[in-house]
Amino acid sequence: MTDRLLTSEELHRLTDDAYLTASELHALTGRKQRPAQVQWLRDNRWRFAVDADGGARVLRDYWRRKLLDDAPTMQTRIEPDFGAVRELRAKRVA
């Protein structure tokens, strides 16, 4: 392997692949307009950068990690909140 500088086209391709595309951002946020996407990302506490055009830049690797970390696993068991049920019954009786 020889050490060489990347061409501008190679560098552009590498950086483009590193970030979500416009359609992927739209799918993630449910918003088409850039300012609305940025607001959604802020509201949902996602890490991102804003480019010179005001568009959100989300790293693809971060997106993958975030989705995997937020996804429930097969070992995760969600228990119902029986205390809330008791409170509702108590309110109905009273």
N, C-alpha and C. Protein backbone atom coordinates (compact mmCIF):
# COMPACT_ATOMS: atom_id res chain seq x y z
N MET A 1 0.85 -1.18 0.00
CA MET A 1 0.00 0.00 0.00
C MET A 1 0.89 1.24 0.00
N THR A 2 0.61 2.14 -0.89
CA THR A 2 1.40 3.36 -0.97
C THR A 2 0.63 4.51 -0.33
N ASP A 3 1.39 5.39 0.29
CA ASP A 3 0.78 6.58 0.88
C ASP A 3 0.57 7.59 -0.24
N ARG A 4 -0.65 8.10 -0.34
CA ARG A 4 -0.94 9.13 -1.33
C ARG A 4 -2.09 9.98 -0.83
N LEU A 5 -2.16 11.15 -1.36
CA LEU A 5 -3.25 12.05 -1.00
C LEU A 5 -4.50 11.63 -1.75
N LEU A 6 -5.64 11.83 -1.13
CA LEU A 6 -6.90 11.54 -1.80
C LEU A 6 -7.24 12.65 -2.78
N THR A 7 -7.86 12.27 -3.87
CA THR A 7 -8.35 13.29 -4.81
C THR A 7 -9.55 13.96 -4.17
N SER A 8 -9.93 15.12 -4.68
CA SER A 8 -11.10 15.82 -4.12
C SER A 8 -12.36 14.99 -4.32
N GLU A 9 -12.44 14.24 -5.41
CA GLU A 9 -13.61 13.38 -5.65
C GLU A 9 -13.66 12.24 -4.62
N GLU A 10 -12.53 11.63 -4.32
CA GLU A 10 -12.49 10.56 -3.32
C GLU A 10 -12.84 11.10 -1.94
N LEU A 11 -12.32 12.25 -1.59
CA LEU A 11 -12.61 12.87 -0.31
C LEU A 11 -14.09 13.21 -0.20
N HIS A 12 -14.65 13.75 -1.28
CA HIS A 12 -16.08 14.10 -1.30
C HIS A 12 -16.93 12.85 -1.10
N ARG A 13 -16.59 11.76 -1.77
CA ARG A 13 -17.33 10.51 -1.66
C ARG A 13 -17.25 9.97 -0.23
N LEU A 14 -16.09 10.04 0.37
CA LEU A 14 -15.93 9.56 1.75
C LEU A 14 -16.77 10.37 2.73
N THR A 15 -16.75 11.68 2.60
CA THR A 15 -17.51 12.50 3.54
C THR A 15 -19.01 12.39 3.29
N ASP A 16 -19.42 12.24 2.03
CA ASP A 16 -20.84 12.08 1.75
C ASP A 16 -21.37 10.78 2.35
N ASP A 17 -20.60 9.72 2.28
CA ASP A 17 -21.03 8.44 2.84
C ASP A 17 -21.04 8.46 4.36
N ALA A 18 -20.31 9.37 4.96
CA ALA A 18 -20.23 9.43 6.42
C ALA A 18 -21.49 10.02 7.05
N TYR A 19 -22.26 10.78 6.28
CA TYR A 19 -23.43 11.48 6.81
C TYR A 19 -24.72 10.94 6.19
N LEU A 20 -25.82 11.10 6.92
CA LEU A 20 -27.14 10.73 6.38
C LEU A 20 -27.47 11.62 5.19
N THR A 21 -28.17 11.05 4.23
CA THR A 21 -28.60 11.81 3.06
C THR A 21 -29.82 12.66 3.43
N ALA A 22 -30.22 13.53 2.52
CA ALA A 22 -31.40 14.38 2.74
C ALA A 22 -32.64 13.52 2.93
N SER A 23 -32.78 12.46 2.13
CA SER A 23 -33.96 11.61 2.26
C SER A 23 -33.93 10.81 3.56
N GLU A 24 -32.74 10.43 4.02
CA GLU A 24 -32.63 9.72 5.30
C GLU A 24 -32.96 10.65 6.46
N LEU A 25 -32.53 11.91 6.38
CA LEU A 25 -32.89 12.89 7.41
C LEU A 25 -34.40 13.12 7.44
N HIS A 26 -35.00 13.17 6.27
CA HIS A 26 -36.45 13.34 6.18
C HIS A 26 -37.16 12.14 6.81
N ALA A 27 -36.67 10.93 6.53
CA ALA A 27 -37.28 9.72 7.11
C ALA A 27 -37.11 9.70 8.63
N LEU A 28 -35.97 10.13 9.11
CA LEU A 28 -35.70 10.14 10.55
C LEU A 28 -36.58 11.15 11.27
N THR A 29 -36.63 12.37 10.75
CA THR A 29 -37.29 13.46 11.46
C THR A 29 -38.77 13.61 11.10
N GLY A 30 -39.14 13.13 9.92
CA GLY A 30 -40.50 13.36 9.44
C GLY A 30 -40.71 14.79 8.96
N ARG A 31 -39.63 15.53 8.79
CA ARG A 31 -39.68 16.93 8.37
C ARG A 31 -38.90 17.10 7.07
N LYS A 32 -39.41 17.93 6.15
CA LYS A 32 -38.72 18.18 4.89
C LYS A 32 -37.83 19.41 4.96
N GLN A 33 -38.28 20.43 5.65
CA GLN A 33 -37.53 21.69 5.70
C GLN A 33 -36.36 21.57 6.67
N ARG A 34 -35.24 22.12 6.26
CA ARG A 34 -34.01 22.03 7.05
C ARG A 34 -34.15 22.58 8.47
N PRO A 35 -34.73 23.77 8.64
CA PRO A 35 -34.86 24.29 10.02
C PRO A 35 -35.72 23.37 10.90
N ALA A 36 -36.74 22.77 10.32
CA ALA A 36 -37.60 21.86 11.08
C ALA A 36 -36.84 20.58 11.45
N GLN A 37 -35.98 20.11 10.56
CA GLN A 37 -35.15 18.94 10.87
C GLN A 37 -34.20 19.25 12.02
N VAL A 38 -33.58 20.41 11.95
CA VAL A 38 -32.66 20.83 13.02
C VAL A 38 -33.40 20.91 14.35
N GLN A 39 -34.59 21.48 14.34
CA GLN A 39 -35.37 21.59 15.58
C GLN A 39 -35.74 20.22 16.12
N TRP A 40 -36.15 19.31 15.24
CA TRP A 40 -36.50 17.95 15.67
C TRP A 40 -35.30 17.28 16.32
N LEU A 41 -34.14 17.40 15.69
CA LEU A 41 -32.93 16.79 16.23
C LEU A 41 -32.60 17.37 17.61
N ARG A 42 -32.75 18.69 17.76
CA ARG A 42 -32.51 19.32 19.07
C ARG A 42 -33.50 18.83 20.11
N ASP A 43 -34.78 18.82 19.73
CA ASP A 43 -35.83 18.41 20.66
C ASP A 43 -35.64 16.97 21.12
N ASN A 44 -35.10 16.12 20.26
CA ASN A 44 -34.92 14.71 20.57
C ASN A 44 -33.50 14.37 21.00
N ARG A 45 -32.73 15.42 21.27
CA ARG A 45 -31.38 15.29 21.83
C ARG A 45 -30.43 14.43 21.00
N TRP A 46 -30.45 14.67 19.70
CA TRP A 46 -29.50 14.02 18.80
C TRP A 46 -28.29 14.91 18.65
N ARG A 47 -27.12 14.31 18.47
CA ARG A 47 -25.91 15.07 18.19
C ARG A 47 -25.80 15.26 16.69
N PHE A 48 -25.51 16.49 16.29
CA PHE A 48 -25.42 16.80 14.87
C PHE A 48 -24.69 18.11 14.70
N ALA A 49 -24.32 18.38 13.47
CA ALA A 49 -23.71 19.66 13.11
C ALA A 49 -24.63 20.34 12.11
N VAL A 50 -24.48 21.64 12.00
CA VAL A 50 -25.24 22.40 11.00
C VAL A 50 -24.24 22.91 9.97
N ASP A 51 -24.53 22.63 8.69
CA ASP A 51 -23.61 23.07 7.65
C ASP A 51 -23.86 24.54 7.28
N ALA A 52 -23.09 25.04 6.35
CA ALA A 52 -23.17 26.46 5.97
C ALA A 52 -24.53 26.82 5.39
N ASP A 53 -25.24 25.84 4.82
CA ASP A 53 -26.56 26.09 4.25
C ASP A 53 -27.69 25.93 5.26
N GLY A 54 -27.34 25.65 6.51
CA GLY A 54 -28.37 25.49 7.54
C GLY A 54 -28.92 24.08 7.65
N GLY A 55 -28.33 23.14 6.93
CA GLY A 55 -28.80 21.76 6.97
C GLY A 55 -28.13 20.98 8.08
N ALA A 56 -28.85 20.01 8.59
CA ALA A 56 -28.32 19.15 9.65
C ALA A 56 -27.39 18.12 9.05
N ARG A 57 -26.30 17.82 9.75
CA ARG A 57 -25.35 16.79 9.35
C ARG A 57 -25.27 15.78 10.49
N VAL A 58 -25.81 14.59 10.25
CA VAL A 58 -25.81 13.53 11.26
C VAL A 58 -24.88 12.42 10.75
N LEU A 59 -23.91 12.06 11.57
CA LEU A 59 -23.00 10.99 11.19
C LEU A 59 -23.76 9.67 11.11
N ARG A 60 -23.52 8.94 10.05
CA ARG A 60 -24.18 7.65 9.83
C ARG A 60 -23.88 6.67 10.97
N ASP A 61 -22.63 6.65 11.44
CA ASP A 61 -22.27 5.75 12.54
C ASP A 61 -23.02 6.10 13.82
N TYR A 62 -23.17 7.40 14.08
CA TYR A 62 -23.92 7.84 15.27
C TYR A 62 -25.38 7.42 15.15
N TRP A 63 -25.96 7.59 13.97
CA TRP A 63 -27.35 7.21 13.70
C TRP A 63 -27.55 5.72 13.99
N ARG A 64 -26.63 4.89 13.49
CA ARG A 64 -26.73 3.44 13.72
C ARG A 64 -26.66 3.12 15.22
N ARG A 65 -25.67 3.70 15.90
CA ARG A 65 -25.52 3.44 17.33
C ARG A 65 -26.75 3.90 18.11
N LYS A 66 -27.25 5.07 17.79
CA LYS A 66 -28.41 5.63 18.49
C LYS A 66 -29.63 4.73 18.30
N LEU A 67 -29.86 4.27 17.10
CA LEU A 67 -31.01 3.42 16.85
C LEU A 67 -30.85 2.07 17.55
N LEU A 68 -29.64 1.52 17.55
CA LEU A 68 -29.42 0.25 18.23
C LEU A 68 -29.53 0.38 19.73
N ASP A 69 -29.03 1.49 20.29
CA ASP A 69 -29.11 1.70 21.73
C ASP A 69 -30.54 1.93 22.20
N ASP A 70 -31.36 2.58 21.36
CA ASP A 70 -32.74 2.88 21.74
C ASP A 70 -33.69 1.72 21.50
N ALA A 71 -33.27 0.75 20.69
CA ALA A 71 -34.15 -0.36 20.36
C ALA A 71 -34.22 -1.33 21.55
N PRO A 72 -35.43 -1.77 21.89
CA PRO A 72 -35.52 -2.75 22.97
C PRO A 72 -34.94 -4.09 22.52
N THR A 73 -34.29 -4.76 23.43
CA THR A 73 -33.72 -6.07 23.11
C THR A 73 -34.70 -7.15 23.50
N MET A 74 -34.43 -8.35 23.06
CA MET A 74 -35.29 -9.48 23.41
C MET A 74 -35.26 -9.73 24.92
N GLN A 75 -34.17 -9.34 25.57
CA GLN A 75 -34.05 -9.57 27.00
C GLN A 75 -34.76 -8.49 27.81
N THR A 76 -35.09 -7.37 27.16
CA THR A 76 -35.78 -6.29 27.86
C THR A 76 -37.24 -6.68 28.06
N ARG A 77 -37.69 -6.60 29.29
CA ARG A 77 -39.06 -6.94 29.58
C ARG A 77 -39.73 -5.73 30.18
N ILE A 78 -40.79 -5.29 29.57
CA ILE A 78 -41.51 -4.11 30.05
C ILE A 78 -42.64 -4.58 30.95
N GLU A 79 -42.60 -4.12 32.18
CA GLU A 79 -43.63 -4.48 33.16
C GLU A 79 -44.68 -3.37 33.22
N PRO A 80 -45.95 -3.75 33.34
CA PRO A 80 -46.99 -2.72 33.48
C PRO A 80 -46.86 -2.01 34.82
N ASP A 81 -47.35 -0.77 34.86
CA ASP A 81 -47.32 0.03 36.07
C ASP A 81 -48.62 -0.22 36.84
N PHE A 82 -48.60 -1.23 37.72
CA PHE A 82 -49.80 -1.59 38.45
C PHE A 82 -50.20 -0.50 39.45
N GLY A 83 -49.23 0.29 39.90
CA GLY A 83 -49.53 1.39 40.80
C GLY A 83 -50.48 2.39 40.15
N ALA A 84 -50.27 2.64 38.86
CA ALA A 84 -51.14 3.57 38.13
C ALA A 84 -52.56 3.00 38.03
N VAL A 85 -52.67 1.71 37.83
CA VAL A 85 -54.00 1.07 37.76
C VAL A 85 -54.71 1.21 39.09
N ARG A 86 -53.97 0.97 40.19
CA ARG A 86 -54.58 1.11 41.53
C ARG A 86 -55.06 2.54 41.78
N GLU A 87 -54.26 3.51 41.33
CA GLU A 87 -54.64 4.91 41.51
C GLU A 87 -55.93 5.22 40.75
N LEU A 88 -56.05 4.71 39.52
CA LEU A 88 -57.27 4.94 38.74
C LEU A 88 -58.48 4.31 39.41
N ARG A 89 -58.30 3.10 39.90
CA ARG A 89 -59.43 2.44 40.60
C ARG A 89 -59.83 3.22 41.84
N ALA A 90 -58.84 3.73 42.58
CA ALA A 90 -59.12 4.50 43.78
C ALA A 90 -59.89 5.76 43.45
N LYS A 91 -59.54 6.42 42.34
CA LYS A 91 -60.23 7.64 41.94
C LYS A 91 -61.67 7.34 41.54
N ARG A 92 -61.91 6.19 40.89
CA ARG A 92 -63.27 5.83 40.48
C ARG A 92 -64.15 5.55 41.68
N VAL A 93 -63.57 4.93 42.70
CA VAL A 93 -64.32 4.59 43.90
C VAL A 93 -64.68 5.84 44.69
N ALA A 94 -63.75 6.79 44.73
CA ALA A 94 -63.94 8.00 45.53
C ALA A 94 -64.95 8.95 44.94
